[in-house]
Amino acid sequence: MTDQQTEIQEVTPAREAVVWIDHARAIIVERDHSGHSVHVVDRLLAEREERFEARAINEVFDRDRVIVCGPAYARTGFERAYVALTHRPDRLVDLQPTTSHGG
């Protein structure tokens, strides 16, 4: 009879962030050890959009998954900048707003 060792690996939950972004600010929500944290990145007066996006990306750079929502123009710009800086398109999840139709 052979003696087999079973290796138990601790499962670490994925580090996720939700980013709601428009041209004026990015609101970043994450879960941490004490619950949820919210961080707001405001676009500075006369700040170029590329710099603003880079500052927002810096806040979520090492997350395993980044869920992006907001107006389409802002989501697209953020996602393109994120991929250009991180080279990790697989980490992005795009949430398109739903529209309700009266009935």
N, C-alpha and C. Protein backbone atom coordinates (compact mmCIF):
# COMPACT_ATOMS: atom_id res chain seq x y z
N MET A 1 0.85 -1.16 0.00
CA MET A 1 0.00 0.00 0.00
C MET A 1 0.90 1.22 0.00
N THR A 2 0.59 2.18 -0.87
CA THR A 2 1.41 3.38 -0.95
C THR A 2 0.83 4.48 -0.09
N ASP A 3 1.72 5.30 0.42
CA ASP A 3 1.32 6.41 1.26
C ASP A 3 1.27 7.67 0.38
N GLN A 4 0.09 8.21 0.21
CA GLN A 4 -0.06 9.41 -0.61
C GLN A 4 -0.35 10.60 0.26
N GLN A 5 0.29 11.68 -0.06
CA GLN A 5 0.00 12.92 0.65
C GLN A 5 -0.93 13.76 -0.21
N THR A 6 -1.90 14.29 0.43
CA THR A 6 -2.84 15.16 -0.28
C THR A 6 -2.47 16.59 0.06
N GLU A 7 -2.17 17.33 -0.97
CA GLU A 7 -1.81 18.72 -0.77
C GLU A 7 -3.08 19.56 -0.83
N ILE A 8 -3.28 20.32 0.21
CA ILE A 8 -4.45 21.19 0.27
C ILE A 8 -3.96 22.61 0.02
N GLN A 9 -4.49 23.20 -1.01
CA GLN A 9 -4.11 24.57 -1.32
C GLN A 9 -5.21 25.51 -0.85
N GLU A 10 -4.77 26.57 -0.24
CA GLU A 10 -5.73 27.57 0.21
C GLU A 10 -6.22 28.33 -1.02
N VAL A 11 -7.52 28.45 -1.13
CA VAL A 11 -8.10 29.16 -2.25
C VAL A 11 -8.25 30.62 -1.87
N THR A 12 -7.60 31.46 -2.63
CA THR A 12 -7.68 32.89 -2.40
C THR A 12 -8.73 33.46 -3.33
N PRO A 13 -9.69 34.20 -2.77
CA PRO A 13 -10.70 34.77 -3.65
C PRO A 13 -10.08 35.76 -4.62
N ALA A 14 -10.66 35.84 -5.81
CA ALA A 14 -10.17 36.78 -6.82
C ALA A 14 -10.33 38.21 -6.31
N ARG A 15 -9.34 38.99 -6.60
CA ARG A 15 -9.41 40.41 -6.25
C ARG A 15 -10.12 41.12 -7.38
N GLU A 16 -11.29 41.65 -7.07
CA GLU A 16 -12.12 42.28 -8.07
C GLU A 16 -12.36 43.74 -7.73
N ALA A 17 -12.61 44.52 -8.77
CA ALA A 17 -12.99 45.91 -8.59
C ALA A 17 -14.07 46.23 -9.60
N VAL A 18 -15.00 47.07 -9.20
CA VAL A 18 -16.01 47.59 -10.11
C VAL A 18 -15.67 49.05 -10.33
N VAL A 19 -15.56 49.43 -11.60
CA VAL A 19 -15.23 50.81 -11.95
C VAL A 19 -16.41 51.40 -12.72
N TRP A 20 -16.98 52.47 -12.18
CA TRP A 20 -17.96 53.25 -12.94
C TRP A 20 -17.23 54.50 -13.36
N ILE A 21 -17.18 54.77 -14.67
CA ILE A 21 -16.37 55.87 -15.16
C ILE A 21 -17.14 56.71 -16.17
N ASP A 22 -16.93 58.02 -16.10
CA ASP A 22 -17.36 58.93 -17.15
C ASP A 22 -16.20 59.90 -17.36
N HIS A 23 -16.42 61.00 -18.05
CA HIS A 23 -15.30 61.90 -18.34
C HIS A 23 -14.92 62.79 -17.15
N ALA A 24 -15.70 62.75 -16.08
CA ALA A 24 -15.42 63.61 -14.93
C ALA A 24 -14.84 62.86 -13.74
N ARG A 25 -15.18 61.59 -13.60
CA ARG A 25 -14.71 60.83 -12.43
C ARG A 25 -14.81 59.35 -12.65
N ALA A 26 -14.05 58.64 -11.83
CA ALA A 26 -14.13 57.18 -11.78
C ALA A 26 -14.45 56.81 -10.35
N ILE A 27 -15.46 56.01 -10.16
CA ILE A 27 -15.83 55.51 -8.84
C ILE A 27 -15.46 54.04 -8.81
N ILE A 28 -14.60 53.68 -7.86
CA ILE A 28 -14.06 52.32 -7.79
C ILE A 28 -14.55 51.68 -6.50
N VAL A 29 -15.20 50.54 -6.62
CA VAL A 29 -15.73 49.81 -5.47
C VAL A 29 -15.02 48.47 -5.40
N GLU A 30 -14.51 48.16 -4.22
CA GLU A 30 -13.82 46.89 -3.99
C GLU A 30 -14.26 46.30 -2.67
N ARG A 31 -14.09 45.01 -2.55
CA ARG A 31 -14.34 44.34 -1.28
C ARG A 31 -13.00 44.17 -0.59
N ASP A 32 -12.94 44.56 0.67
CA ASP A 32 -11.71 44.35 1.44
C ASP A 32 -12.06 43.62 2.73
N HIS A 33 -11.11 43.50 3.63
CA HIS A 33 -11.30 42.71 4.85
C HIS A 33 -12.41 43.26 5.74
N SER A 34 -12.75 44.53 5.61
CA SER A 34 -13.77 45.11 6.47
C SER A 34 -15.09 45.37 5.74
N GLY A 35 -15.22 44.86 4.57
CA GLY A 35 -16.45 45.07 3.80
C GLY A 35 -16.13 45.61 2.43
N HIS A 36 -16.76 46.70 2.07
CA HIS A 36 -16.53 47.32 0.77
C HIS A 36 -15.86 48.66 0.95
N SER A 37 -14.98 48.98 0.02
CA SER A 37 -14.36 50.30 0.03
C SER A 37 -14.72 51.00 -1.27
N VAL A 38 -14.85 52.31 -1.18
CA VAL A 38 -15.18 53.12 -2.34
C VAL A 38 -14.11 54.19 -2.46
N HIS A 39 -13.57 54.32 -3.65
CA HIS A 39 -12.55 55.32 -3.92
C HIS A 39 -12.99 56.11 -5.15
N VAL A 40 -12.90 57.42 -5.06
CA VAL A 40 -13.29 58.27 -6.18
C VAL A 40 -12.04 58.94 -6.74
N VAL A 41 -11.89 58.82 -8.05
CA VAL A 41 -10.81 59.50 -8.76
C VAL A 41 -11.47 60.59 -9.59
N ASP A 42 -11.30 61.84 -9.16
CA ASP A 42 -11.87 62.96 -9.91
C ASP A 42 -10.88 63.44 -10.96
N ARG A 43 -11.43 63.79 -12.10
CA ARG A 43 -10.59 64.35 -13.15
C ARG A 43 -10.22 65.78 -12.77
N LEU A 44 -8.96 66.08 -12.82
CA LEU A 44 -8.47 67.39 -12.44
C LEU A 44 -8.78 68.42 -13.53
N LEU A 45 -8.87 69.66 -13.13
CA LEU A 45 -9.12 70.74 -14.06
C LEU A 45 -8.04 70.75 -15.14
N ALA A 46 -8.43 70.76 -16.38
CA ALA A 46 -7.53 70.78 -17.54
C ALA A 46 -6.67 69.51 -17.66
N GLU A 47 -7.02 68.45 -16.95
CA GLU A 47 -6.27 67.19 -17.06
C GLU A 47 -6.65 66.48 -18.35
N ARG A 48 -5.65 66.04 -19.07
CA ARG A 48 -5.91 65.28 -20.29
C ARG A 48 -6.58 63.96 -19.94
N GLU A 49 -7.44 63.52 -20.83
CA GLU A 49 -8.19 62.29 -20.58
C GLU A 49 -7.28 61.09 -20.37
N GLU A 50 -6.19 61.02 -21.13
CA GLU A 50 -5.26 59.90 -21.00
C GLU A 50 -4.66 59.84 -19.60
N ARG A 51 -4.33 60.98 -19.05
CA ARG A 51 -3.75 61.02 -17.69
C ARG A 51 -4.78 60.61 -16.65
N PHE A 52 -6.01 61.09 -16.80
CA PHE A 52 -7.10 60.73 -15.90
C PHE A 52 -7.33 59.22 -15.92
N GLU A 53 -7.41 58.64 -17.14
CA GLU A 53 -7.61 57.20 -17.25
C GLU A 53 -6.45 56.43 -16.61
N ALA A 54 -5.24 56.90 -16.81
CA ALA A 54 -4.07 56.24 -16.22
C ALA A 54 -4.13 56.26 -14.69
N ARG A 55 -4.59 57.36 -14.12
CA ARG A 55 -4.71 57.41 -12.66
C ARG A 55 -5.77 56.43 -12.16
N ALA A 56 -6.87 56.31 -12.89
CA ALA A 56 -7.92 55.37 -12.51
C ALA A 56 -7.43 53.93 -12.66
N ILE A 57 -6.72 53.66 -13.74
CA ILE A 57 -6.18 52.31 -13.97
C ILE A 57 -5.19 51.94 -12.88
N ASN A 58 -4.40 52.89 -12.44
CA ASN A 58 -3.43 52.64 -11.37
C ASN A 58 -4.11 52.11 -10.11
N GLU A 59 -5.33 52.51 -9.86
CA GLU A 59 -6.08 52.07 -8.68
C GLU A 59 -6.49 50.60 -8.77
N VAL A 60 -6.60 50.05 -9.98
CA VAL A 60 -7.08 48.67 -10.15
C VAL A 60 -6.08 47.82 -10.93
N PHE A 61 -4.87 48.29 -11.07
CA PHE A 61 -3.85 47.68 -11.93
C PHE A 61 -3.64 46.19 -11.65
N ASP A 62 -3.59 45.80 -10.39
CA ASP A 62 -3.25 44.42 -10.04
C ASP A 62 -4.45 43.56 -9.68
N ARG A 63 -5.66 44.00 -10.01
CA ARG A 63 -6.84 43.21 -9.71
C ARG A 63 -6.97 42.07 -10.71
N ASP A 64 -7.55 40.98 -10.24
CA ASP A 64 -7.75 39.81 -11.09
C ASP A 64 -8.87 40.02 -12.10
N ARG A 65 -9.83 40.85 -11.71
CA ARG A 65 -10.97 41.11 -12.57
C ARG A 65 -11.41 42.54 -12.35
N VAL A 66 -11.66 43.26 -13.44
CA VAL A 66 -12.11 44.65 -13.37
C VAL A 66 -13.41 44.75 -14.16
N ILE A 67 -14.47 45.05 -13.46
CA ILE A 67 -15.79 45.18 -14.06
C ILE A 67 -15.99 46.67 -14.37
N VAL A 68 -16.24 46.98 -15.63
CA VAL A 68 -16.31 48.37 -16.07
C VAL A 68 -17.74 48.71 -16.49
N CYS A 69 -18.23 49.82 -15.96
CA CYS A 69 -19.55 50.29 -16.34
C CYS A 69 -19.54 51.80 -16.44
N GLY A 70 -20.57 52.34 -17.03
CA GLY A 70 -20.66 53.77 -17.28
C GLY A 70 -21.06 53.99 -18.72
N PRO A 71 -21.06 55.26 -19.16
CA PRO A 71 -21.41 55.55 -20.55
C PRO A 71 -20.43 54.86 -21.51
N ALA A 72 -20.93 54.46 -22.67
CA ALA A 72 -20.13 53.70 -23.63
C ALA A 72 -18.84 54.39 -24.01
N TYR A 73 -18.88 55.69 -24.24
CA TYR A 73 -17.67 56.40 -24.66
C TYR A 73 -16.59 56.33 -23.58
N ALA A 74 -16.97 56.42 -22.34
CA ALA A 74 -16.00 56.38 -21.24
C ALA A 74 -15.50 54.96 -21.00
N ARG A 75 -16.40 53.97 -21.06
CA ARG A 75 -16.00 52.57 -20.90
C ARG A 75 -14.97 52.17 -21.95
N THR A 76 -15.26 52.52 -23.20
CA THR A 76 -14.38 52.14 -24.30
C THR A 76 -13.00 52.77 -24.12
N GLY A 77 -12.96 54.04 -23.78
CA GLY A 77 -11.68 54.71 -23.58
C GLY A 77 -10.89 54.11 -22.43
N PHE A 78 -11.57 53.83 -21.33
CA PHE A 78 -10.91 53.22 -20.17
C PHE A 78 -10.38 51.83 -20.52
N GLU A 79 -11.20 51.03 -21.19
CA GLU A 79 -10.80 49.67 -21.54
C GLU A 79 -9.60 49.66 -22.48
N ARG A 80 -9.59 50.54 -23.45
CA ARG A 80 -8.45 50.62 -24.37
C ARG A 80 -7.18 51.02 -23.62
N ALA A 81 -7.30 52.00 -22.75
CA ALA A 81 -6.14 52.44 -21.97
C ALA A 81 -5.68 51.34 -21.02
N TYR A 82 -6.63 50.61 -20.42
CA TYR A 82 -6.30 49.52 -19.50
C TYR A 82 -5.49 48.44 -20.21
N VAL A 83 -5.95 48.05 -21.39
CA VAL A 83 -5.25 47.00 -22.15
C VAL A 83 -3.88 47.50 -22.59
N ALA A 84 -3.78 48.75 -23.00
CA ALA A 84 -2.49 49.30 -23.43
C ALA A 84 -1.48 49.31 -22.29
N LEU A 85 -1.95 49.58 -21.07
CA LEU A 85 -1.04 49.65 -19.92
C LEU A 85 -0.76 48.29 -19.28
N THR A 86 -1.76 47.42 -19.24
CA THR A 86 -1.60 46.16 -18.51
C THR A 86 -1.34 44.96 -19.42
N HIS A 87 -1.75 45.05 -20.66
CA HIS A 87 -1.66 43.93 -21.60
C HIS A 87 -2.47 42.73 -21.10
N ARG A 88 -3.57 43.01 -20.38
CA ARG A 88 -4.41 41.96 -19.80
C ARG A 88 -5.89 42.17 -20.14
N PRO A 89 -6.28 42.05 -21.40
CA PRO A 89 -7.70 42.22 -21.72
C PRO A 89 -8.59 41.16 -21.08
N ASP A 90 -8.00 40.03 -20.71
CA ASP A 90 -8.76 38.95 -20.08
C ASP A 90 -9.30 39.33 -18.71
N ARG A 91 -8.80 40.36 -18.11
CA ARG A 91 -9.26 40.78 -16.78
C ARG A 91 -10.47 41.71 -16.83
N LEU A 92 -10.80 42.20 -18.00
CA LEU A 92 -11.88 43.17 -18.13
C LEU A 92 -13.24 42.51 -18.32
N VAL A 93 -14.23 43.06 -17.66
CA VAL A 93 -15.62 42.66 -17.85
C VAL A 93 -16.39 43.95 -18.12
N ASP A 94 -17.00 44.05 -19.27
CA ASP A 94 -17.72 45.24 -19.68
C ASP A 94 -19.20 45.07 -19.38
N LEU A 95 -19.76 45.98 -18.61
CA LEU A 95 -21.19 45.94 -18.33
C LEU A 95 -21.86 47.06 -19.09
N GLN A 96 -22.70 46.69 -20.01
CA GLN A 96 -23.43 47.70 -20.77
C GLN A 96 -24.72 48.00 -20.04
N PRO A 97 -25.08 49.27 -19.99
CA PRO A 97 -26.33 49.61 -19.31
C PRO A 97 -27.52 49.00 -20.02
N THR A 98 -28.49 48.62 -19.25
CA THR A 98 -29.71 48.08 -19.84
C THR A 98 -30.74 49.20 -19.92
N THR A 99 -31.56 49.12 -20.90
CA THR A 99 -32.63 50.10 -21.02
C THR A 99 -33.94 49.39 -20.80
N SER A 100 -34.80 50.05 -20.09
CA SER A 100 -36.10 49.45 -19.85
C SER A 100 -37.10 50.07 -20.82
N HIS A 101 -37.95 49.26 -21.33
CA HIS A 101 -38.96 49.71 -22.25
C HIS A 101 -40.30 49.61 -21.56
N GLY A 102 -41.02 50.70 -21.59
CA GLY A 102 -42.35 50.70 -20.98
C GLY A 102 -43.28 49.78 -21.74
N GLY A 103 -44.22 49.21 -21.03
CA GLY A 103 -45.07 48.27 -21.75
C GLY A 103 -46.43 48.21 -21.23
